[in-house]
Amino acid sequence: MNTNFKLGTHKQILFDYLNKGNSITTKDAMYHLGIGDLQGTIRDLKESGVPIESKYISVPTRYGKNATVKEYKLFS
């Protein structure tokens, strides 16, 4: 697994975030990390050998309903 990512890149920022035990959704990536293309960054990390798992979770919407979104985290 190659984790020597260029400093300040989306790959490096996301890897460091996930490596701290955090999980992430597309909304969180945009809001907290400034990453607009989470799936692309996840794909790049996976191609570098980083073990990432995903699952669908239900989250509340501002309209009082629930939406299903994908959540990513490092394999435990």
C-alpha atoms as a PDB file:
ATOM      1  CA  MET A   1       0.000   0.000   0.000  1.00  0.00           C
ATOM      2  CA  ASN A   2       1.409   3.367  -1.050  1.00  0.00           C
ATOM      3  CA  THR A   3       0.348   6.118   1.360  1.00  0.00           C
ATOM      4  CA  ASN A   4       3.003   8.682   0.442  1.00  0.00           C
ATOM      5  CA  PHE A   5       0.528  11.099  -1.100  1.00  0.00           C
ATOM      6  CA  LYS A   6       1.491  14.598  -2.148  1.00  0.00           C
ATOM      7  CA  LEU A   7       0.911  17.018   0.735  1.00  0.00           C
ATOM      8  CA  GLY A   8      -2.318  19.010   0.465  1.00  0.00           C
ATOM      9  CA  THR A   9      -3.974  16.812  -2.168  1.00  0.00           C
ATOM     10  CA  HIS A  10      -7.487  15.480  -1.737  1.00  0.00           C
ATOM     11  CA  LYS A  11      -6.051  11.959  -1.472  1.00  0.00           C
ATOM     12  CA  GLN A  12      -3.777  12.945   1.396  1.00  0.00           C
ATOM     13  CA  ILE A  13      -6.439  14.996   3.195  1.00  0.00           C
ATOM     14  CA  LEU A  14      -9.038  12.211   2.946  1.00  0.00           C
ATOM     15  CA  PHE A  15      -6.571   9.472   3.905  1.00  0.00           C
ATOM     16  CA  ASP A  16      -5.503  11.385   7.031  1.00  0.00           C
ATOM     17  CA  TYR A  17      -9.151  11.993   7.950  1.00  0.00           C
ATOM     18  CA  LEU A  18     -10.105   8.328   7.553  1.00  0.00           C
ATOM     19  CA  ASN A  19      -6.911   7.151   9.259  1.00  0.00           C
ATOM     20  CA  LYS A  20      -8.040   8.946  12.439  1.00  0.00           C
ATOM     21  CA  GLY A  21     -10.988   6.526  12.631  1.00  0.00           C
ATOM     22  CA  ASN A  22     -13.529   8.831  10.999  1.00  0.00           C
ATOM     23  CA  SER A  23     -16.115   7.787   8.445  1.00  0.00           C
ATOM     24  CA  ILE A  24     -17.310  10.115   5.691  1.00  0.00           C
ATOM     25  CA  THR A  25     -20.227  10.814   3.377  1.00  0.00           C
ATOM     26  CA  THR A  26     -20.319  13.038   0.291  1.00  0.00           C
ATOM     27  CA  LYS A  27     -21.904  15.882   2.273  1.00  0.00           C
ATOM     28  CA  ASP A  28     -19.240  15.642   5.003  1.00  0.00           C
ATOM     29  CA  ALA A  29     -16.458  15.566   2.406  1.00  0.00           C
ATOM     30  CA  MET A  30     -17.721  18.750   0.775  1.00  0.00           C
ATOM     31  CA  TYR A  31     -18.537  20.558   4.006  1.00  0.00           C
ATOM     32  CA  HIS A  32     -15.560  19.585   6.197  1.00  0.00           C
ATOM     33  CA  LEU A  33     -12.775  18.779   3.718  1.00  0.00           C
ATOM     34  CA  GLY A  34     -13.650  20.737   0.578  1.00  0.00           C
ATOM     35  CA  ILE A  35     -13.710  17.587  -1.562  1.00  0.00           C
ATOM     36  CA  GLY A  36     -16.376  17.775  -4.272  1.00  0.00           C
ATOM     37  CA  ASP A  37     -15.660  14.423  -5.929  1.00  0.00           C
ATOM     38  CA  LEU A  38     -15.573  11.983  -3.021  1.00  0.00           C
ATOM     39  CA  GLN A  39     -16.136   8.889  -5.167  1.00  0.00           C
ATOM     40  CA  GLY A  40     -13.213   9.837  -7.419  1.00  0.00           C
ATOM     41  CA  THR A  41     -10.926  10.404  -4.459  1.00  0.00           C
ATOM     42  CA  ILE A  42     -12.047   7.110  -2.897  1.00  0.00           C
ATOM     43  CA  ARG A  43     -11.307   5.347  -6.213  1.00  0.00           C
ATOM     44  CA  ASP A  44      -7.810   6.888  -6.292  1.00  0.00           C
ATOM     45  CA  LEU A  45      -7.140   5.744  -2.720  1.00  0.00           C
ATOM     46  CA  LYS A  46      -8.339   2.220  -3.514  1.00  0.00           C
ATOM     47  CA  GLU A  47      -6.079   2.116  -6.590  1.00  0.00           C
ATOM     48  CA  SER A  48      -3.183   3.016  -4.271  1.00  0.00           C
ATOM     49  CA  GLY A  49      -4.044  -0.010  -2.132  1.00  0.00           C
ATOM     50  CA  VAL A  50      -5.869   1.702   0.726  1.00  0.00           C
ATOM     51  CA  PRO A  51      -8.502  -0.703   2.134  1.00  0.00           C
ATOM     52  CA  ILE A  52     -11.775   1.245   2.209  1.00  0.00           C
ATOM     53  CA  GLU A  53     -15.180  -0.205   2.933  1.00  0.00           C
ATOM     54  CA  SER A  54     -18.555   1.357   2.245  1.00  0.00           C
ATOM     55  CA  LYS A  55     -22.101   0.854   3.423  1.00  0.00           C
ATOM     56  CA  TYR A  56     -25.428   2.578   2.944  1.00  0.00           C
ATOM     57  CA  ILE A  57     -26.824   4.547   5.871  1.00  0.00           C
ATOM     58  CA  SER A  58     -30.043   6.465   6.408  1.00  0.00           C
ATOM     59  CA  VAL A  59     -29.743  10.179   7.226  1.00  0.00           C
ATOM     60  CA  PRO A  60     -32.449  12.747   7.964  1.00  0.00           C
ATOM     61  CA  THR A  61     -33.190  15.448   5.403  1.00  0.00           C
ATOM     62  CA  ARG A  62     -34.217  19.012   6.096  1.00  0.00           C
ATOM     63  CA  TYR A  63     -37.742  18.075   5.008  1.00  0.00           C
ATOM     64  CA  GLY A  64     -38.255  15.588   7.845  1.00  0.00           C
ATOM     65  CA  LYS A  65     -37.720  12.500   5.697  1.00  0.00           C
ATOM     66  CA  ASN A  66     -34.783  10.106   5.391  1.00  0.00           C
ATOM     67  CA  ALA A  67     -32.341   9.662   2.539  1.00  0.00           C
ATOM     68  CA  THR A  68     -29.986   6.757   1.911  1.00  0.00           C
ATOM     69  CA  VAL A  69     -26.351   7.744   1.364  1.00  0.00           C
ATOM     70  CA  LYS A  70     -23.051   5.891   1.116  1.00  0.00           C
ATOM     71  CA  GLU A  71     -20.613   6.102   4.019  1.00  0.00           C
ATOM     72  CA  TYR A  72     -16.914   5.242   3.662  1.00  0.00           C
ATOM     73  CA  LYS A  73     -14.323   4.227   6.239  1.00  0.00           C
ATOM     74  CA  LEU A  74     -11.069   2.297   6.459  1.00  0.00           C
ATOM     75  CA  PHE A  75     -11.305  -1.446   7.035  1.00  0.00           C
ATOM     76  CA  SER A  76     -10.948  -2.184  10.731  1.00  0.00           C
END
